[in-house]
Amino acid sequence: MSTSLSDEPLDPESARLAAKVRILMLVSALTTVVAVGAVLVVIGYRVFKAEGSAVTDVTALLPKGARIISTSAAGDRITVTIQIADSTEIRTFDSKTLQATGRLRFASEP
C-alpha cells in the first residue's frame, strides 16, 4: 500500500505555509535578478566608458641648463623635480593625458 504525497490534499495550515514559502522564494529570486543585473550594468558601463589606453608620445621642454633631480608617480599624477640655476621647481602631470597640471617653484630669499 503506497501513498504518494501529491495525492493527498494539504491541510489549511500547510497550504498557508507553502504559500508563504513561495512568496519568500519569489522575493529572493527577484532580489537576486536585480543584483546580478546591477553588477552587469556597472561592468558594461566601465567597459564602454573607459578611456582608451592609446600610447601617447609627449616631449616636455625644459629651460636651458635645467636638470631633472627626481621623478615619482602617485595615483593619477606624475611629479618631476627640476633644478634650474639656483632654484628648484616641481611640475605635475596627469598620467593619463600627460598634460601639465601644476607647477611649484622654490626660490631662495635675497
PDB file of N, CA and C in Angstrom:
ATOM      1  N   MET A   1       0.834  -1.145   0.000  1.00  0.00           N
ATOM      2  CA  MET A   1       0.000   0.000   0.000  1.00  0.00           C
ATOM      3  C   MET A   1       0.901   1.237   0.000  1.00  0.00           C
ATOM      4  N   SER A   2       1.021   1.881  -1.132  1.00  0.00           N
ATOM      5  CA  SER A   2       1.888   3.024  -1.319  1.00  0.00           C
ATOM      6  C   SER A   2       1.039   4.268  -1.514  1.00  0.00           C
ATOM      7  N   THR A   3       1.340   5.284  -0.732  1.00  0.00           N
ATOM      8  CA  THR A   3       0.616   6.541  -0.880  1.00  0.00           C
ATOM      9  C   THR A   3       1.593   7.617  -1.312  1.00  0.00           C
ATOM     10  N   SER A   4       1.203   8.405  -2.235  1.00  0.00           N
ATOM     11  CA  SER A   4       2.029   9.499  -2.733  1.00  0.00           C
ATOM     12  C   SER A   4       1.627  10.790  -2.033  1.00  0.00           C
ATOM     13  N   LEU A   5       2.615  11.671  -1.817  1.00  0.00           N
ATOM     14  CA  LEU A   5       2.335  12.942  -1.152  1.00  0.00           C
ATOM     15  C   LEU A   5       1.481  13.860  -2.019  1.00  0.00           C
ATOM     16  N   SER A   6       1.597  13.747  -3.324  1.00  0.00           N
ATOM     17  CA  SER A   6       0.843  14.635  -4.196  1.00  0.00           C
ATOM     18  C   SER A   6      -0.627  14.233  -4.297  1.00  0.00           C
ATOM     19  N   ASP A   7      -0.938  13.009  -3.896  1.00  0.00           N
ATOM     20  CA  ASP A   7      -2.326  12.559  -3.959  1.00  0.00           C
ATOM     21  C   ASP A   7      -3.158  13.107  -2.813  1.00  0.00           C
ATOM     22  N   GLU A   8      -2.522  13.401  -1.718  1.00  0.00           N
ATOM     23  CA  GLU A   8      -3.264  13.851  -0.538  1.00  0.00           C
ATOM     24  C   GLU A   8      -3.410  15.365  -0.551  1.00  0.00           C
ATOM     25  N   PRO A   9      -4.587  15.900  -0.267  1.00  0.00           N
ATOM     26  CA  PRO A   9      -4.749  17.359  -0.194  1.00  0.00           C
ATOM     27  C   PRO A   9      -4.056  17.900   1.068  1.00  0.00           C
ATOM     28  N   LEU A  10      -3.588  19.125   0.963  1.00  0.00           N
ATOM     29  CA  LEU A  10      -2.920  19.757   2.094  1.00  0.00           C
ATOM     30  C   LEU A  10      -3.946  20.312   3.069  1.00  0.00           C
ATOM     31  N   ASP A  11      -3.599  20.229   4.339  1.00  0.00           N
ATOM     32  CA  ASP A  11      -4.480  20.857   5.319  1.00  0.00           C
ATOM     33  C   ASP A  11      -4.302  22.378   5.220  1.00  0.00           C
ATOM     34  N   PRO A  12      -5.189  23.185   5.716  1.00  0.00           N
ATOM     35  CA  PRO A  12      -5.125  24.651   5.547  1.00  0.00           C
ATOM     36  C   PRO A  12      -3.840  25.273   6.097  1.00  0.00           C
ATOM     37  N   GLU A  13      -3.356  24.778   7.213  1.00  0.00           N
ATOM     38  CA  GLU A  13      -2.129  25.334   7.797  1.00  0.00           C
ATOM     39  C   GLU A  13      -0.933  25.079   6.873  1.00  0.00           C
ATOM     40  N   SER A  14      -0.831  23.897   6.309  1.00  0.00           N
ATOM     41  CA  SER A  14       0.259  23.560   5.385  1.00  0.00           C
ATOM     42  C   SER A  14       0.137  24.360   4.097  1.00  0.00           C
ATOM     43  N   ALA A  15      -1.068  24.600   3.638  1.00  0.00           N
ATOM     44  CA  ALA A  15      -1.262  25.381   2.420  1.00  0.00           C
ATOM     45  C   ALA A  15      -0.816  26.819   2.632  1.00  0.00           C
ATOM     46  N   ARG A  16      -1.131  27.413   3.797  1.00  0.00           N
ATOM     47  CA  ARG A  16      -0.684  28.772   4.103  1.00  0.00           C
ATOM     48  C   ARG A  16       0.844  28.833   4.184  1.00  0.00           C
ATOM     49  N   LEU A  17       1.439  27.837   4.810  1.00  0.00           N
ATOM     50  CA  LEU A  17       2.895  27.787   4.926  1.00  0.00           C
ATOM     51  C   LEU A  17       3.535  27.655   3.540  1.00  0.00           C
ATOM     52  N   ALA A  18       2.980  26.821   2.680  1.00  0.00           N
ATOM     53  CA  ALA A  18       3.509  26.657   1.325  1.00  0.00           C
ATOM     54  C   ALA A  18       3.370  27.956   0.543  1.00  0.00           C
ATOM     55  N   ALA A  19       2.289  28.682   0.715  1.00  0.00           N
ATOM     56  CA  ALA A  19       2.100  29.959   0.021  1.00  0.00           C
ATOM     57  C   ALA A  19       3.134  30.987   0.498  1.00  0.00           C
ATOM     58  N   LYS A  20       3.396  31.036   1.802  1.00  0.00           N
ATOM     59  CA  LYS A  20       4.399  31.962   2.336  1.00  0.00           C
ATOM     60  C   LYS A  20       5.789  31.620   1.795  1.00  0.00           C
ATOM     61  N   VAL A  21       6.090  30.327   1.730  1.00  0.00           N
ATOM     62  CA  VAL A  21       7.396  29.904   1.217  1.00  0.00           C
ATOM     63  C   VAL A  21       7.533  30.291  -0.252  1.00  0.00           C
ATOM     64  N   ARG A  22       6.461  30.130  -1.034  1.00  0.00           N
ATOM     65  CA  ARG A  22       6.506  30.522  -2.445  1.00  0.00           C
ATOM     66  C   ARG A  22       6.747  32.028  -2.587  1.00  0.00           C
ATOM     67  N   ILE A  23       6.088  32.833  -1.764  1.00  0.00           N
ATOM     68  CA  ILE A  23       6.272  34.287  -1.825  1.00  0.00           C
ATOM     69  C   ILE A  23       7.708  34.654  -1.450  1.00  0.00           C
ATOM     70  N   LEU A  24       8.237  34.044  -0.398  1.00  0.00           N
ATOM     71  CA  LEU A  24       9.616  34.327   0.006  1.00  0.00           C
ATOM     72  C   LEU A  24      10.604  33.906  -1.079  1.00  0.00           C
ATOM     73  N   MET A  25      10.352  32.790  -1.727  1.00  0.00           N
ATOM     74  CA  MET A  25      11.226  32.345  -2.822  1.00  0.00           C
ATOM     75  C   MET A  25      11.154  33.319  -3.997  1.00  0.00           C
ATOM     76  N   LEU A  26       9.976  33.826  -4.281  1.00  0.00           N
ATOM     77  CA  LEU A  26       9.809  34.783  -5.368  1.00  0.00           C
ATOM     78  C   LEU A  26      10.546  36.089  -5.060  1.00  0.00           C
ATOM     79  N   VAL A  27      10.420  36.582  -3.839  1.00  0.00           N
ATOM     80  CA  VAL A  27      11.126  37.807  -3.435  1.00  0.00           C
ATOM     81  C   VAL A  27      12.637  37.587  -3.514  1.00  0.00           C
ATOM     82  N   SER A  28      13.097  36.446  -3.050  1.00  0.00           N
ATOM     83  CA  SER A  28      14.525  36.137  -3.097  1.00  0.00           C
ATOM     84  C   SER A  28      15.016  36.060  -4.535  1.00  0.00           C
ATOM     85  N   ALA A  29      14.275  35.419  -5.409  1.00  0.00           N
ATOM     86  CA  ALA A  29      14.675  35.301  -6.806  1.00  0.00           C
ATOM     87  C   ALA A  29      14.705  36.669  -7.486  1.00  0.00           C
ATOM     88  N   LEU A  30      13.717  37.516  -7.228  1.00  0.00           N
ATOM     89  CA  LEU A  30      13.693  38.849  -7.832  1.00  0.00           C
ATOM     90  C   LEU A  30      14.856  39.710  -7.334  1.00  0.00           C
ATOM     91  N   THR A  31      15.160  39.601  -6.047  1.00  0.00           N
ATOM     92  CA  THR A  31      16.293  40.345  -5.493  1.00  0.00           C
ATOM     93  C   THR A  31      17.595  39.904  -6.147  1.00  0.00           C
ATOM     94  N   THR A  32      17.753  38.620  -6.332  1.00  0.00           N
ATOM     95  CA  THR A  32      18.962  38.097  -6.975  1.00  0.00           C
ATOM     96  C   THR A  32      19.061  38.581  -8.415  1.00  0.00           C
ATOM     97  N   VAL A  33      17.960  38.569  -9.148  1.00  0.00           N
ATOM     98  CA  VAL A  33      17.973  39.036 -10.539  1.00  0.00           C
ATOM     99  C   VAL A  33      18.327  40.517 -10.606  1.00  0.00           C
ATOM    100  N   VAL A  34      17.776  41.323  -9.718  1.00  0.00           N
ATOM    101  CA  VAL A  34      18.090  42.751  -9.705  1.00  0.00           C
ATOM    102  C   VAL A  34      19.565  42.975  -9.368  1.00  0.00           C
ATOM    103  N   ALA A  35      20.100  42.239  -8.410  1.00  0.00           N
ATOM    104  CA  ALA A  35      21.509  42.391  -8.022  1.00  0.00           C
ATOM    105  C   ALA A  35      22.438  41.991  -9.163  1.00  0.00           C
ATOM    106  N   VAL A  36      22.171  40.890  -9.816  1.00  0.00           N
ATOM    107  CA  VAL A  36      23.006  40.452 -10.940  1.00  0.00           C
ATOM    108  C   VAL A  36      22.900  41.472 -12.083  1.00  0.00           C
ATOM    109  N   GLY A  37      21.705  41.973 -12.335  1.00  0.00           N
ATOM    110  CA  GLY A  37      21.532  42.995 -13.369  1.00  0.00           C
ATOM    111  C   GLY A  37      22.326  44.252 -13.056  1.00  0.00           C
ATOM    112  N   ALA A  38      22.333  44.671 -11.797  1.00  0.00           N
ATOM    113  CA  ALA A  38      23.089  45.866 -11.398  1.00  0.00           C
ATOM    114  C   ALA A  38      24.585  45.659 -11.620  1.00  0.00           C
ATOM    115  N   VAL A  39      25.087  44.493 -11.271  1.00  0.00           N
ATOM    116  CA  VAL A  39      26.510  44.200 -11.473  1.00  0.00           C
ATOM    117  C   VAL A  39      26.846  44.225 -12.961  1.00  0.00           C
ATOM    118  N   LEU A  40      25.994  43.644 -13.779  1.00  0.00           N
ATOM    119  CA  LEU A  40      26.239  43.637 -15.224  1.00  0.00           C
ATOM    120  C   LEU A  40      26.195  45.051 -15.809  1.00  0.00           C
ATOM    121  N   VAL A  41      25.297  45.885 -15.315  1.00  0.00           N
ATOM    122  CA  VAL A  41      25.229  47.268 -15.784  1.00  0.00           C
ATOM    123  C   VAL A  41      26.504  48.016 -15.426  1.00  0.00           C
ATOM    124  N   VAL A  42      26.997  47.844 -14.212  1.00  0.00           N
ATOM    125  CA  VAL A  42      28.227  48.530 -13.797  1.00  0.00           C
ATOM    126  C   VAL A  42      29.409  48.054 -14.633  1.00  0.00           C
ATOM    127  N   ILE A  43      29.509  46.760 -14.857  1.00  0.00           N
ATOM    128  CA  ILE A  43      30.610  46.228 -15.665  1.00  0.00           C
ATOM    129  C   ILE A  43      30.514  46.763 -17.090  1.00  0.00           C
ATOM    130  N   GLY A  44      29.331  46.746 -17.660  1.00  0.00           N
ATOM    131  CA  GLY A  44      29.152  47.263 -19.009  1.00  0.00           C
ATOM    132  C   GLY A  44      29.491  48.732 -19.108  1.00  0.00           C
ATOM    133  N   TYR A  45      29.089  49.518 -18.123  1.00  0.00           N
ATOM    134  CA  TYR A  45      29.389  50.943 -18.112  1.00  0.00           C
ATOM    135  C   TYR A  45      30.892  51.171 -18.090  1.00  0.00           C
ATOM    136  N   ARG A  46      31.591  50.440 -17.251  1.00  0.00           N
ATOM    137  CA  ARG A  46      33.038  50.632 -17.139  1.00  0.00           C
ATOM    138  C   ARG A  46      33.760  50.181 -18.404  1.00  0.00           C
ATOM    139  N   VAL A  47      33.254  49.153 -19.058  1.00  0.00           N
ATOM    140  CA  VAL A  47      33.900  48.676 -20.276  1.00  0.00           C
ATOM    141  C   VAL A  47      33.714  49.678 -21.413  1.00  0.00           C
ATOM    142  N   PHE A  48      32.505  50.201 -21.581  1.00  0.00           N
ATOM    143  CA  PHE A  48      32.224  51.080 -22.704  1.00  0.00           C
ATOM    144  C   PHE A  48      32.611  52.530 -22.466  1.00  0.00           C
ATOM    145  N   LYS A  49      32.706  52.969 -21.224  1.00  0.00           N
ATOM    146  CA  LYS A  49      33.070  54.347 -20.922  1.00  0.00           C
ATOM    147  C   LYS A  49      34.532  54.510 -20.553  1.00  0.00           C
ATOM    148  N   ALA A  50      35.295  53.426 -20.536  1.00  0.00           N
ATOM    149  CA  ALA A  50      36.709  53.507 -20.170  1.00  0.00           C
ATOM    150  C   ALA A  50      37.467  54.255 -21.253  1.00  0.00           C
ATOM    151  N   GLU A  51      38.387  55.085 -20.820  1.00  0.00           N
ATOM    152  CA  GLU A  51      39.200  55.816 -21.779  1.00  0.00           C
ATOM    153  C   GLU A  51      40.176  54.849 -22.422  1.00  0.00           C
ATOM    154  N   GLY A  52      40.440  55.080 -23.685  1.00  0.00           N
ATOM    155  CA  GLY A  52      41.373  54.215 -24.404  1.00  0.00           C
ATOM    156  C   GLY A  52      42.771  54.317 -23.831  1.00  0.00           C
ATOM    157  N   SER A  53      43.481  53.247 -23.899  1.00  0.00           N
ATOM    158  CA  SER A  53      44.846  53.240 -23.382  1.00  0.00           C
ATOM    159  C   SER A  53      45.829  53.387 -24.538  1.00  0.00           C
ATOM    160  N   ALA A  54      45.579  54.371 -25.384  1.00  0.00           N
ATOM    161  CA  ALA A  54      46.450  54.616 -26.526  1.00  0.00           C
ATOM    162  C   ALA A  54      47.792  55.164 -26.044  1.00  0.00           C
ATOM    163  N   VAL A  55      48.825  54.808 -26.737  1.00  0.00           N
ATOM    164  CA  VAL A  55      50.160  55.271 -26.388  1.00  0.00           C
ATOM    165  C   VAL A  55      50.281  56.730 -26.804  1.00  0.00           C
ATOM    166  N   THR A  56      50.746  57.545 -25.881  1.00  0.00           N
ATOM    167  CA  THR A  56      50.898  58.967 -26.140  1.00  0.00           C
ATOM    168  C   THR A  56      52.374  59.320 -26.082  1.00  0.00           C
ATOM    169  N   ASP A  57      52.833  60.071 -27.054  1.00  0.00           N
ATOM    170  CA  ASP A  57      54.229  60.487 -27.095  1.00  0.00           C
ATOM    171  C   ASP A  57      54.277  61.999 -26.903  1.00  0.00           C
ATOM    172  N   VAL A  58      54.842  62.436 -25.763  1.00  0.00           N
ATOM    173  CA  VAL A  58      54.867  63.849 -25.416  1.00  0.00           C
ATOM    174  C   VAL A  58      56.309  64.256 -25.105  1.00  0.00           C
ATOM    175  N   THR A  59      56.693  65.423 -25.553  1.00  0.00           N
ATOM    176  CA  THR A  59      58.007  65.970 -25.223  1.00  0.00           C
ATOM    177  C   THR A  59      57.804  67.232 -24.407  1.00  0.00           C
ATOM    178  N   ALA A  60      58.334  67.233 -23.198  1.00  0.00           N
ATOM    179  CA  ALA A  60      58.243  68.411 -22.334  1.00  0.00           C
ATOM    180  C   ALA A  60      59.551  69.188 -22.462  1.00  0.00           C
ATOM    181  N   LEU A  61      59.446  70.459 -22.748  1.00  0.00           N
ATOM    182  CA  LEU A  61      60.629  71.293 -22.899  1.00  0.00           C
ATOM    183  C   LEU A  61      61.037  71.878 -21.550  1.00  0.00           C
ATOM    184  N   LEU A  62      62.319  71.774 -21.256  1.00  0.00           N
ATOM    185  CA  LEU A  62      62.881  72.343 -20.034  1.00  0.00           C
ATOM    186  C   LEU A  62      63.696  73.576 -20.396  1.00  0.00           C
ATOM    187  N   PRO A  63      63.808  74.509 -19.463  1.00  0.00           N
ATOM    188  CA  PRO A  63      64.659  75.680 -19.724  1.00  0.00           C
ATOM    189  C   PRO A  63      66.113  75.248 -19.904  1.00  0.00           C
ATOM    190  N   LYS A  64      66.858  76.061 -20.604  1.00  0.00           N
ATOM    191  CA  LYS A  64      68.266  75.755 -20.866  1.00  0.00           C
ATOM    192  C   LYS A  64      69.029  75.663 -19.536  1.00  0.00           C
ATOM    193  N   GLY A  65      69.834  74.636 -19.389  1.00  0.00           N
ATOM    194  CA  GLY A  65      70.630  74.444 -18.184  1.00  0.00           C
ATOM    195  C   GLY A  65      69.885  73.744 -17.062  1.00  0.00           C
ATOM    196  N   ALA A  66      68.619  73.411 -17.255  1.00  0.00           N
ATOM    197  CA  ALA A  66      67.843  72.732 -16.202  1.00  0.00           C
ATOM    198  C   ALA A  66      68.183  71.251 -16.193  1.00  0.00           C
ATOM    199  N   ARG A  67      68.064  70.661 -15.015  1.00  0.00           N
ATOM    200  CA  ARG A  67      68.286  69.216 -14.926  1.00  0.00           C
ATOM    201  C   ARG A  67      67.221  68.601 -14.023  1.00  0.00           C
ATOM    202  N   ILE A  68      66.859  67.379 -14.353  1.00  0.00           N
ATOM    203  CA  ILE A  68      65.834  66.661 -13.590  1.00  0.00           C
ATOM    204  C   ILE A  68      66.498  66.021 -12.384  1.00  0.00           C
ATOM    205  N   ILE A  69      65.966  66.337 -11.200  1.00  0.00           N
ATOM    206  CA  ILE A  69      66.508  65.778  -9.964  1.00  0.00           C
ATOM    207  C   ILE A  69      65.825  64.453  -9.644  1.00  0.00           C
ATOM    208  N   SER A  70      64.486  64.419  -9.746  1.00  0.00           N
ATOM    209  CA  SER A  70      63.768  63.177  -9.440  1.00  0.00           C
ATOM    210  C   SER A  70      62.418  63.159 -10.144  1.00  0.00           C
ATOM    211  N   THR A  71      61.866  61.966 -10.250  1.00  0.00           N
ATOM    212  CA  THR A  71      60.515  61.780 -10.768  1.00  0.00           C
ATOM    213  C   THR A  71      59.803  60.791  -9.860  1.00  0.00           C
ATOM    214  N   SER A  72      58.486  60.923  -9.779  1.00  0.00           N
ATOM    215  CA  SER A  72      57.699  59.960  -8.999  1.00  0.00           C
ATOM    216  C   SER A  72      56.276  59.937  -9.537  1.00  0.00           C
ATOM    217  N   ALA A  73      55.605  58.842  -9.255  1.00  0.00           N
ATOM    218  CA  ALA A  73      54.212  58.693  -9.678  1.00  0.00           C
ATOM    219  C   ALA A  73      53.383  58.302  -8.465  1.00  0.00           C
ATOM    220  N   ALA A  74      52.237  58.957  -8.319  1.00  0.00           N
ATOM    221  CA  ALA A  74      51.337  58.663  -7.210  1.00  0.00           C
ATOM    222  C   ALA A  74      49.911  58.820  -7.722  1.00  0.00           C
ATOM    223  N   GLY A  75      49.160  57.751  -7.689  1.00  0.00           N
ATOM    224  CA  GLY A  75      47.781  57.812  -8.146  1.00  0.00           C
ATOM    225  C   GLY A  75      47.735  58.112  -9.628  1.00  0.00           C
ATOM    226  N   ASP A  76      47.091  59.198  -9.988  1.00  0.00           N
ATOM    227  CA  ASP A  76      46.995  59.574 -11.394  1.00  0.00           C
ATOM    228  C   ASP A  76      47.838  60.803 -11.708  1.00  0.00           C
ATOM    229  N   ARG A  77      48.882  61.033 -10.935  1.00  0.00           N
ATOM    230  CA  ARG A  77      49.768  62.171 -11.146  1.00  0.00           C
ATOM    231  C   ARG A  77      51.221  61.699 -11.264  1.00  0.00           C
ATOM    232  N   ILE A  78      51.970  62.409 -12.091  1.00  0.00           N
ATOM    233  CA  ILE A  78      53.412  62.202 -12.217  1.00  0.00           C
ATOM    234  C   ILE A  78      54.072  63.508 -11.794  1.00  0.00           C
ATOM    235  N   THR A  79      55.037  63.436 -10.894  1.00  0.00           N
ATOM    236  CA  THR A  79      55.741  64.642 -10.463  1.00  0.00           C
ATOM    237  C   THR A  79      57.194  64.581 -10.918  1.00  0.00           C
ATOM    238  N   VAL A  80      57.688  65.707 -11.372  1.00  0.00           N
ATOM    239  CA  VAL A  80      59.071  65.822 -11.825  1.00  0.00           C
ATOM    240  C   VAL A  80      59.689  66.996 -11.078  1.00  0.00           C
ATOM    241  N   THR A  81      60.802  66.736 -10.399  1.00  0.00           N
ATOM    242  CA  THR A  81      61.518  67.794  -9.683  1.00  0.00           C
ATOM    243  C   THR A  81      62.677  68.247 -10.559  1.00  0.00           C
ATOM    244  N   ILE A  82      62.745  69.548 -10.813  1.00  0.00           N
ATOM    245  CA  ILE A  82      63.723  70.113 -11.733  1.00  0.00           C
ATOM    246  C   ILE A  82      64.543  71.172 -11.004  1.00  0.00           C
ATOM    247  N   GLN A  83      65.837  71.204 -11.264  1.00  0.00           N
ATOM    248  CA  GLN A  83      66.689  72.269 -10.723  1.00  0.00           C
ATOM    249  C   GLN A  83      67.069  73.186 -11.869  1.00  0.00           C
ATOM    250  N   ILE A  84      66.721  74.473 -11.704  1.00  0.00           N
ATOM    251  CA  ILE A  84      67.019  75.485 -12.710  1.00  0.00           C
ATOM    252  C   ILE A  84      67.891  76.538 -12.029  1.00  0.00           C
ATOM    253  N   ALA A  85      69.138  76.600 -12.415  1.00  0.00           N
ATOM    254  CA  ALA A  85      70.111  77.523 -11.822  1.00  0.00           C
ATOM    255  C   ALA A  85      70.112  77.345 -10.298  1.00  0.00           C
ATOM    256  N   ASP A  86      69.667  78.361  -9.542  1.00  0.00           N
ATOM    257  CA  ASP A  86      69.691  78.276  -8.083  1.00  0.00           C
ATOM    258  C   ASP A  86      68.339  77.916  -7.485  1.00  0.00           C
ATOM    259  N   SER A  87      67.343  77.661  -8.297  1.00  0.00           N
ATOM    260  CA  SER A  87      66.003  77.381  -7.773  1.00  0.00           C
ATOM    261  C   SER A  87      65.565  75.962  -8.135  1.00  0.00           C
ATOM    262  N   THR A  88      64.603  75.479  -7.374  1.00  0.00           N
ATOM    263  CA  THR A  88      64.029  74.149  -7.595  1.00  0.00           C
ATOM    264  C   THR A  88      62.566  74.312  -7.969  1.00  0.00           C
ATOM    265  N   GLU A  89      62.102  73.445  -8.866  1.00  0.00           N
ATOM    266  CA  GLU A  89      60.730  73.528  -9.349  1.00  0.00           C
ATOM    267  C   GLU A  89      60.156  72.111  -9.413  1.00  0.00           C
ATOM    268  N   ILE A  90      58.897  71.986  -9.005  1.00  0.00           N
ATOM    269  CA  ILE A  90      58.199  70.699  -9.110  1.00  0.00           C
ATOM    270  C   ILE A  90      57.068  70.873 -10.109  1.00  0.00           C
ATOM    271  N   ARG A  91      57.055  70.042 -11.128  1.00  0.00           N
ATOM    272  CA  ARG A  91      55.991  70.066 -12.130  1.00  0.00           C
ATOM    273  C   ARG A  91      55.182  68.775 -12.016  1.00  0.00           C
ATOM    274  N   THR A  92      53.870  68.910 -12.098  1.00  0.00           N
ATOM    275  CA  THR A  92      52.997  67.732 -12.029  1.00  0.00           C
ATOM    276  C   THR A  92      52.269  67.559 -13.356  1.00  0.00           C
ATOM    277  N   PHE A  93      52.062  66.297 -13.710  1.00  0.00           N
ATOM    278  CA  PHE A  93      51.405  65.941 -14.957  1.00  0.00           C
ATOM    279  C   PHE A  93      50.336  64.895 -14.677  1.00  0.00           C
ATOM    280  N   ASP A  94      49.269  64.930 -15.461  1.00  0.00           N
ATOM    281  CA  ASP A  94      48.234  63.900 -15.398  1.00  0.00           C
ATOM    282  C   ASP A  94      48.779  62.665 -16.104  1.00  0.00           C
ATOM    283  N   SER A  95      48.725  61.498 -15.440  1.00  0.00           N
ATOM    284  CA  SER A  95      49.338  60.302 -16.015  1.00  0.00           C
ATOM    285  C   SER A  95      48.564  59.745 -17.210  1.00  0.00           C
ATOM    286  N   LYS A  96      47.283  60.071 -17.351  1.00  0.00           N
ATOM    287  CA  LYS A  96      46.507  59.558 -18.486  1.00  0.00           C
ATOM    288  C   LYS A  96      46.701  60.411 -19.731  1.00  0.00           C
ATOM    289  N   THR A  97      46.661  61.732 -19.574  1.00  0.00           N
ATOM    290  CA  THR A  97      46.751  62.625 -20.729  1.00  0.00           C
ATOM    291  C   THR A  97      48.143  63.221 -20.910  1.00  0.00           C
ATOM    292  N   LEU A  98      48.976  63.114 -19.890  1.00  0.00           N
ATOM    293  CA  LEU A  98      50.321  63.687 -19.863  1.00  0.00           C
ATOM    294  C   LEU A  98      50.314  65.210 -20.029  1.00  0.00           C
ATOM    295  N   GLN A  99      49.226  65.836 -19.668  1.00  0.00           N
ATOM    296  CA  GLN A  99      49.119  67.293 -19.685  1.00  0.00           C
ATOM    297  C   GLN A  99      49.619  67.843 -18.354  1.00  0.00           C
ATOM    298  N   ALA A 100      50.283  68.990 -18.405  1.00  0.00           N
ATOM    299  CA  ALA A 100      50.776  69.628 -17.187  1.00  0.00           C
ATOM    300  C   ALA A 100      49.584  70.088 -16.345  1.00  0.00           C
ATOM    301  N   THR A 101      49.625  69.768 -15.053  1.00  0.00           N
ATOM    302  CA  THR A 101      48.522  70.157 -14.167  1.00  0.00           C
ATOM    303  C   THR A 101      48.935  71.187 -13.134  1.00  0.00           C
ATOM    304  N   GLY A 102      50.229  71.344 -12.913  1.00  0.00           N
ATOM    305  CA  GLY A 102      50.652  72.332 -11.932  1.00  0.00           C
ATOM    306  C   GLY A 102      52.146  72.530 -11.905  1.00  0.00           C
ATOM    307  N   ARG A 103      52.543  73.646 -11.287  1.00  0.00           N
ATOM    308  CA  ARG A 103      53.958  73.972 -11.184  1.00  0.00           C
ATOM    309  C   ARG A 103      54.181  74.650  -9.841  1.00  0.00           C
ATOM    310  N   LEU A 104      55.163  74.187  -9.092  1.00  0.00           N
ATOM    311  CA  LEU A 104      55.501  74.756  -7.799  1.00  0.00           C
ATOM    312  C   LEU A 104      56.970  75.152  -7.842  1.00  0.00           C
ATOM    313  N   ARG A 105      57.241  76.458  -7.625  1.00  0.00           N
ATOM    314  CA  ARG A 105      58.612  76.963  -7.692  1.00  0.00           C
ATOM    315  C   ARG A 105      59.114  77.289  -6.294  1.00  0.00           C
ATOM    316  N   PHE A 106      60.379  76.951  -6.076  1.00  0.00           N
ATOM    317  CA  PHE A 106      61.057  77.289  -4.817  1.00  0.00           C
ATOM    318  C   PHE A 106      62.220  78.197  -5.149  1.00  0.00           C
ATOM    319  N   ALA A 107      62.368  79.258  -4.399  1.00  0.00           N
ATOM    320  CA  ALA A 107      63.482  80.178  -4.619  1.00  0.00           C
ATOM    321  C   ALA A 107      64.019  80.621  -3.271  1.00  0.00           C
ATOM    322  N   SER A 108      65.286  80.948  -3.237  1.00  0.00           N
ATOM    323  CA  SER A 108      65.915  81.448  -2.013  1.00  0.00           C
ATOM    324  C   SER A 108      65.600  82.919  -1.860  1.00  0.00           C
ATOM    325  N   GLU A 109      65.435  83.337  -0.618  1.00  0.00           N
ATOM    326  CA  GLU A 109      65.214  84.763  -0.357  1.00  0.00           C
ATOM    327  C   GLU A 109      66.524  85.518  -0.534  1.00  0.00           C
ATOM    328  N   PRO A 110      66.444  86.736  -1.040  1.00  0.00           N
ATOM    329  CA  PRO A 110      67.675  87.511  -1.226  1.00  0.00           C
ATOM    330  C   PRO A 110      68.261  88.000   0.080  1.00  0.00           C
TER     331      PRO A 110
END
